[in-house]
Amino acid sequence: MIRKYIKKIKETDLIKNIAILASGAVIGYMINMLLLPIVGRIYTPDRKSVV
């Protein structure tokens, strides 16, 4: 009974759309974390404080 319910949920577009949104957010955070050291080297602490 539970397996049928899980199979039905997997077939719906809702789960697919949630997975797409979640993966987009994860990719965005990964890009941010990868670029953070580069930006940290480009901009010194003195330059970061000047807006």
Protein backbone atom coordinates (compact mmCIF):
# COMPACT_ATOMS: atom_id res chain seq x y z
CA MET A 1 0.00 0.00 0.00
CA ILE A 2 2.76 2.45 0.87
CA ARG A 3 4.71 1.47 -2.24
CA LYS A 4 1.73 2.35 -4.44
CA TYR A 5 1.48 5.74 -2.76
CA ILE A 6 5.21 6.40 -3.21
CA LYS A 7 5.02 5.35 -6.85
CA LYS A 8 2.07 7.69 -7.40
CA ILE A 9 3.98 10.58 -5.84
CA LYS A 10 7.04 9.91 -8.02
CA GLU A 11 4.92 10.04 -11.16
CA THR A 12 3.47 13.46 -10.40
CA ASP A 13 4.96 16.62 -11.80
CA LEU A 14 5.02 18.20 -8.36
CA ILE A 15 8.01 16.15 -7.22
CA LYS A 16 9.86 16.85 -10.45
CA ASN A 17 9.24 20.58 -10.12
CA ILE A 18 10.38 20.60 -6.51
CA ALA A 19 13.54 18.74 -7.49
CA ILE A 20 14.25 21.29 -10.24
CA LEU A 21 13.82 24.20 -7.85
CA ALA A 22 15.92 22.59 -5.15
CA SER A 23 18.73 21.71 -7.55
CA GLY A 24 18.76 25.28 -8.86
CA ALA A 25 19.16 26.62 -5.34
CA VAL A 26 21.95 24.16 -4.60
CA ILE A 27 23.77 25.08 -7.81
CA GLY A 28 23.46 28.76 -6.92
CA TYR A 29 24.99 28.20 -3.50
CA MET A 30 27.77 26.10 -5.03
CA ILE A 31 28.66 28.87 -7.49
CA ASN A 32 28.69 31.35 -4.62
CA MET A 33 30.97 29.17 -2.51
CA LEU A 34 33.33 28.52 -5.44
CA LEU A 35 33.65 32.20 -6.34
CA LEU A 36 34.01 33.46 -2.77
CA PRO A 37 37.80 32.84 -2.53
CA ILE A 38 38.35 34.50 -5.91
CA VAL A 39 36.38 37.58 -4.94
CA GLY A 40 38.18 37.61 -1.60
CA ARG A 41 41.52 37.83 -3.36
CA ILE A 42 40.40 40.50 -5.81
CA TYR A 43 38.89 42.79 -3.20
CA THR A 44 40.97 43.54 -0.13
CA PRO A 45 39.24 44.29 3.20
CA ASP A 46 39.85 48.00 2.63
CA ARG A 47 38.06 47.92 -0.71
CA LYS A 48 35.16 45.85 0.63
CA SER A 49 34.25 48.51 3.14
CA VAL A 50 33.99 51.24 0.47
CA VAL A 51 30.64 51.19 -1.26
